[in-house]
Amino acid sequence: MAKKTAREKRVIGWREWVGLPDLGVEAIKAKIDSGARSSSLHAFNLDTYERDGRTFVRFSVHPFQRDSKTTVEAEAEVSEFRNVRSSSGHAELRPVIVTTMEILGEQRQIELTLANRDQMGFRMLLGRQAVRRRFLVDTGRSYYGGKPERRSSETGNPIA
């Protein structure tokens, strides 16, 4: 792949594997959704609490589709609660966190709303705020950043 100049943007596919290192998520498949303003992460067992006058949230993440065994426990400060309208038109008040996203070897701070996306095709959506001014989306390709090494959900060891 050609190197990026100061004026060029990196190209990503319509879906990419991204990391969320602050949350302990090494890799999660994300759909790039330029129609969505904000990004969303599948989270469950949400527990908000106060500490030193600030609001935090503890939550669980299943980073892989069709895998309910692999679970990552995470915690983050809540930056705000926001009303988000789903693609079906239903509005829901969701906690918003700011965290580091890693994609194509680059790290960037992004906002994530936390929602139960268990029934959705992707555990994470990357909205236009997360990719603007930095990436161009090739809607005909996927995984410019490659695919992570598959690991056993039971042992954590690489699968041949």
C-alpha atoms as a PDB file:
ATOM      1  CA  MET A   1       0.000   0.000   0.000  1.00  0.00           C
ATOM      2  CA  ALA A   2       1.280   3.465  -0.880  1.00  0.00           C
ATOM      3  CA  LYS A   3       2.450   5.746   1.902  1.00  0.00           C
ATOM      4  CA  LYS A   4       0.149   8.542   2.959  1.00  0.00           C
ATOM      5  CA  THR A   5       1.215  12.123   2.412  1.00  0.00           C
ATOM      6  CA  ALA A   6       0.105  14.949   4.692  1.00  0.00           C
ATOM      7  CA  ARG A   7      -2.844  15.748   2.385  1.00  0.00           C
ATOM      8  CA  GLU A   8      -3.942  12.173   1.672  1.00  0.00           C
ATOM      9  CA  LYS A   9      -6.272  10.049   3.723  1.00  0.00           C
ATOM     10  CA  ARG A  10      -5.844   6.344   4.417  1.00  0.00           C
ATOM     11  CA  VAL A  11      -8.347   4.016   2.784  1.00  0.00           C
ATOM     12  CA  ILE A  12     -10.429   1.606   4.868  1.00  0.00           C
ATOM     13  CA  GLY A  13     -13.007  -0.945   3.799  1.00  0.00           C
ATOM     14  CA  TRP A  14     -16.707  -0.996   4.633  1.00  0.00           C
ATOM     15  CA  ARG A  15     -15.778  -3.282   7.530  1.00  0.00           C
ATOM     16  CA  GLU A  16     -12.521  -3.420   9.450  1.00  0.00           C
ATOM     17  CA  TRP A  17     -11.030  -5.040  12.529  1.00  0.00           C
ATOM     18  CA  VAL A  18     -10.280  -2.408  15.145  1.00  0.00           C
ATOM     19  CA  GLY A  19      -8.780  -2.496  18.607  1.00  0.00           C
ATOM     20  CA  LEU A  20     -10.005  -0.723  21.720  1.00  0.00           C
ATOM     21  CA  PRO A  21      -6.869  -0.911  23.902  1.00  0.00           C
ATOM     22  CA  ASP A  22      -8.226   1.241  26.772  1.00  0.00           C
ATOM     23  CA  LEU A  23     -11.071  -1.266  27.158  1.00  0.00           C
ATOM     24  CA  GLY A  24      -8.943  -4.416  26.803  1.00  0.00           C
ATOM     25  CA  VAL A  25     -10.512  -5.351  23.439  1.00  0.00           C
ATOM     26  CA  GLU A  26      -7.714  -6.524  21.152  1.00  0.00           C
ATOM     27  CA  ALA A  27      -9.903  -6.888  18.079  1.00  0.00           C
ATOM     28  CA  ILE A  28     -13.541  -6.355  17.187  1.00  0.00           C
ATOM     29  CA  LYS A  29     -15.119  -6.322  13.748  1.00  0.00           C
ATOM     30  CA  ALA A  30     -16.637  -2.928  12.998  1.00  0.00           C
ATOM     31  CA  LYS A  31     -18.954  -1.849  10.214  1.00  0.00           C
ATOM     32  CA  ILE A  32     -18.198   1.611   8.857  1.00  0.00           C
ATOM     33  CA  ASP A  33     -21.526   3.456   8.809  1.00  0.00           C
ATOM     34  CA  SER A  34     -21.256   6.901   7.244  1.00  0.00           C
ATOM     35  CA  GLY A  35     -25.001   7.337   7.788  1.00  0.00           C
ATOM     36  CA  ALA A  36     -24.531   7.222  11.551  1.00  0.00           C
ATOM     37  CA  ARG A  37     -23.117  10.279  13.304  1.00  0.00           C
ATOM     38  CA  SER A  38     -21.779   8.464  16.351  1.00  0.00           C
ATOM     39  CA  SER A  39     -20.097   5.112  16.875  1.00  0.00           C
ATOM     40  CA  SER A  40     -21.660   2.349  18.939  1.00  0.00           C
ATOM     41  CA  LEU A  41     -20.290  -0.648  20.821  1.00  0.00           C
ATOM     42  CA  HIS A  42     -22.221  -3.744  21.858  1.00  0.00           C
ATOM     43  CA  ALA A  43     -22.198  -3.681  25.645  1.00  0.00           C
ATOM     44  CA  PHE A  44     -24.271  -5.492  28.256  1.00  0.00           C
ATOM     45  CA  ASN A  45     -24.431  -5.746  32.051  1.00  0.00           C
ATOM     46  CA  LEU A  46     -24.076  -1.960  32.219  1.00  0.00           C
ATOM     47  CA  ASP A  47     -23.607  -0.665  35.756  1.00  0.00           C
ATOM     48  CA  THR A  48     -23.191   3.078  36.260  1.00  0.00           C
ATOM     49  CA  TYR A  49     -21.791   4.421  39.503  1.00  0.00           C
ATOM     50  CA  GLU A  50     -20.345   7.611  41.002  1.00  0.00           C
ATOM     51  CA  ARG A  51     -16.750   8.020  42.163  1.00  0.00           C
ATOM     52  CA  ASP A  52     -15.192  11.309  43.267  1.00  0.00           C
ATOM     53  CA  GLY A  53     -18.129  13.222  41.798  1.00  0.00           C
ATOM     54  CA  ARG A  54     -17.726  11.624  38.344  1.00  0.00           C
ATOM     55  CA  THR A  55     -19.911   9.016  36.623  1.00  0.00           C
ATOM     56  CA  PHE A  56     -18.395   5.733  35.479  1.00  0.00           C
ATOM     57  CA  VAL A  57     -19.803   2.649  33.784  1.00  0.00           C
ATOM     58  CA  ARG A  58     -18.764  -1.000  34.098  1.00  0.00           C
ATOM     59  CA  PHE A  59     -19.847  -3.243  31.258  1.00  0.00           C
ATOM     60  CA  SER A  60     -19.196  -6.477  29.398  1.00  0.00           C
ATOM     61  CA  VAL A  61     -18.373  -6.940  25.724  1.00  0.00           C
ATOM     62  CA  HIS A  62     -18.596 -10.003  23.478  1.00  0.00           C
ATOM     63  CA  PRO A  63     -16.036  -8.893  20.873  1.00  0.00           C
ATOM     64  CA  PHE A  64     -16.726 -11.702  18.381  1.00  0.00           C
ATOM     65  CA  GLN A  65     -19.913 -12.441  16.454  1.00  0.00           C
ATOM     66  CA  ARG A  66     -21.645 -15.691  17.347  1.00  0.00           C
ATOM     67  CA  ASP A  67     -19.360 -16.125  20.382  1.00  0.00           C
ATOM     68  CA  SER A  68     -20.981 -15.558  23.747  1.00  0.00           C
ATOM     69  CA  LYS A  69     -18.151 -17.253  25.684  1.00  0.00           C
ATOM     70  CA  THR A  70     -15.409 -14.726  25.010  1.00  0.00           C
ATOM     71  CA  THR A  71     -16.192 -11.787  27.279  1.00  0.00           C
ATOM     72  CA  VAL A  72     -14.177  -8.689  28.059  1.00  0.00           C
ATOM     73  CA  GLU A  73     -14.982  -6.745  31.227  1.00  0.00           C
ATOM     74  CA  ALA A  74     -14.396  -3.013  30.859  1.00  0.00           C
ATOM     75  CA  GLU A  75     -14.804   0.224  32.756  1.00  0.00           C
ATOM     76  CA  ALA A  76     -14.784   3.828  31.558  1.00  0.00           C
ATOM     77  CA  GLU A  77     -15.794   7.309  32.614  1.00  0.00           C
ATOM     78  CA  VAL A  78     -19.116   8.463  31.163  1.00  0.00           C
ATOM     79  CA  SER A  79     -18.716  11.743  29.282  1.00  0.00           C
ATOM     80  CA  GLU A  80     -22.488  12.225  28.878  1.00  0.00           C
ATOM     81  CA  PHE A  81     -25.789  10.472  28.328  1.00  0.00           C
ATOM     82  CA  ARG A  82     -27.224  10.992  24.850  1.00  0.00           C
ATOM     83  CA  ASN A  83     -30.542  10.232  23.168  1.00  0.00           C
ATOM     84  CA  VAL A  84     -29.722   8.112  20.103  1.00  0.00           C
ATOM     85  CA  ARG A  85     -32.242   7.128  17.472  1.00  0.00           C
ATOM     86  CA  SER A  86     -31.722   3.619  16.079  1.00  0.00           C
ATOM     87  CA  SER A  87     -32.164   2.723  12.410  1.00  0.00           C
ATOM     88  CA  SER A  88     -35.656   1.491  13.316  1.00  0.00           C
ATOM     89  CA  GLY A  89     -36.539   4.967  14.640  1.00  0.00           C
ATOM     90  CA  HIS A  90     -36.531   4.029  18.346  1.00  0.00           C
ATOM     91  CA  ALA A  91     -34.865   6.629  20.617  1.00  0.00           C
ATOM     92  CA  GLU A  92     -32.821   5.422  23.576  1.00  0.00           C
ATOM     93  CA  LEU A  93     -30.770   7.212  26.238  1.00  0.00           C
ATOM     94  CA  ARG A  94     -27.245   5.758  26.095  1.00  0.00           C
ATOM     95  CA  PRO A  95     -24.033   6.363  28.014  1.00  0.00           C
ATOM     96  CA  VAL A  96     -21.240   7.882  25.919  1.00  0.00           C
ATOM     97  CA  ILE A  97     -17.579   7.156  26.631  1.00  0.00           C
ATOM     98  CA  VAL A  98     -14.380   8.433  25.046  1.00  0.00           C
ATOM     99  CA  THR A  99     -11.793   5.765  24.303  1.00  0.00           C
ATOM    100  CA  THR A 100      -8.845   4.976  22.043  1.00  0.00           C
ATOM    101  CA  MET A 101      -9.551   3.192  18.756  1.00  0.00           C
ATOM    102  CA  GLU A 102      -6.738   1.529  16.850  1.00  0.00           C
ATOM    103  CA  ILE A 103      -7.177   0.973  13.111  1.00  0.00           C
ATOM    104  CA  LEU A 104      -4.536   0.404  10.423  1.00  0.00           C
ATOM    105  CA  GLY A 105      -1.839   0.997  13.024  1.00  0.00           C
ATOM    106  CA  GLU A 106      -3.192   4.461  13.908  1.00  0.00           C
ATOM    107  CA  GLN A 107      -4.703   5.416  17.238  1.00  0.00           C
ATOM    108  CA  ARG A 108      -7.440   7.972  17.649  1.00  0.00           C
ATOM    109  CA  GLN A 109      -9.750   9.084  20.464  1.00  0.00           C
ATOM    110  CA  ILE A 110     -13.404   8.444  19.603  1.00  0.00           C
ATOM    111  CA  GLU A 111     -16.775   8.693  21.289  1.00  0.00           C
ATOM    112  CA  LEU A 112     -18.696   5.434  21.684  1.00  0.00           C
ATOM    113  CA  THR A 113     -22.284   4.980  22.737  1.00  0.00           C
ATOM    114  CA  LEU A 114     -22.871   1.763  24.659  1.00  0.00           C
ATOM    115  CA  ALA A 115     -25.884  -0.284  23.574  1.00  0.00           C
ATOM    116  CA  ASN A 116     -27.063  -3.857  23.371  1.00  0.00           C
ATOM    117  CA  ARG A 117     -26.292  -4.814  19.762  1.00  0.00           C
ATOM    118  CA  ASP A 118     -26.655  -8.555  20.373  1.00  0.00           C
ATOM    119  CA  GLN A 119     -29.188  -8.954  17.576  1.00  0.00           C
ATOM    120  CA  MET A 120     -27.252  -6.760  15.141  1.00  0.00           C
ATOM    121  CA  GLY A 121     -24.905  -8.017  12.441  1.00  0.00           C
ATOM    122  CA  PHE A 122     -21.885  -6.209  13.888  1.00  0.00           C
ATOM    123  CA  ARG A 123     -20.812  -5.719  17.498  1.00  0.00           C
ATOM    124  CA  MET A 124     -19.499  -2.267  16.641  1.00  0.00           C
ATOM    125  CA  LEU A 125     -20.437   0.556  14.276  1.00  0.00           C
ATOM    126  CA  LEU A 126     -17.954   3.262  13.354  1.00  0.00           C
ATOM    127  CA  GLY A 127     -19.868   6.426  12.581  1.00  0.00           C
ATOM    128  CA  ARG A 128     -18.683   9.333  10.487  1.00  0.00           C
ATOM    129  CA  GLN A 129     -17.257  11.274  13.462  1.00  0.00           C
ATOM    130  CA  ALA A 130     -14.720   8.480  14.044  1.00  0.00           C
ATOM    131  CA  VAL A 131     -13.443   8.387  10.460  1.00  0.00           C
ATOM    132  CA  ARG A 132     -13.855  11.952   9.189  1.00  0.00           C
ATOM    133  CA  ARG A 133     -10.796  13.894   8.053  1.00  0.00           C
ATOM    134  CA  ARG A 134      -8.662  10.787   8.421  1.00  0.00           C
ATOM    135  CA  PHE A 135     -10.033   7.970   6.265  1.00  0.00           C
ATOM    136  CA  LEU A 136     -11.761   7.344   2.947  1.00  0.00           C
ATOM    137  CA  VAL A 137     -14.132   4.380   2.818  1.00  0.00           C
ATOM    138  CA  ASP A 138     -13.870   1.900  -0.071  1.00  0.00           C
ATOM    139  CA  THR A 139     -17.381   0.426  -0.075  1.00  0.00           C
ATOM    140  CA  GLY A 140     -16.310  -2.437  -2.321  1.00  0.00           C
ATOM    141  CA  ARG A 141     -13.581  -3.870  -0.079  1.00  0.00           C
ATOM    142  CA  SER A 142     -13.059  -5.051   3.469  1.00  0.00           C
ATOM    143  CA  TYR A 143     -10.202  -5.468   5.911  1.00  0.00           C
ATOM    144  CA  TYR A 144      -7.503  -3.180   4.521  1.00  0.00           C
ATOM    145  CA  GLY A 145      -5.863  -3.681   7.892  1.00  0.00           C
ATOM    146  CA  GLY A 146      -5.977  -7.478   7.589  1.00  0.00           C
ATOM    147  CA  LYS A 147      -7.684  -9.961   9.872  1.00  0.00           C
ATOM    148  CA  PRO A 148      -6.525 -10.783  13.397  1.00  0.00           C
ATOM    149  CA  GLU A 149      -5.179 -14.195  14.245  1.00  0.00           C
ATOM    150  CA  ARG A 150      -8.062 -16.428  15.305  1.00  0.00           C
ATOM    151  CA  ARG A 151      -7.868 -17.680  18.876  1.00  0.00           C
ATOM    152  CA  SER A 152      -9.671 -20.388  20.760  1.00  0.00           C
ATOM    153  CA  SER A 153     -12.342 -18.899  23.016  1.00  0.00           C
ATOM    154  CA  GLU A 154     -11.575 -21.571  25.604  1.00  0.00           C
ATOM    155  CA  THR A 155      -7.760 -21.421  25.748  1.00  0.00           C
ATOM    156  CA  GLY A 156      -6.904 -18.113  24.087  1.00  0.00           C
ATOM    157  CA  ASN A 157      -4.344 -19.957  21.944  1.00  0.00           C
ATOM    158  CA  PRO A 158      -4.025 -19.330  18.182  1.00  0.00           C
ATOM    159  CA  ILE A 159      -6.124 -21.602  15.947  1.00  0.00           C
ATOM    160  CA  ALA A 160      -4.171 -23.109  13.076  1.00  0.00           C
END
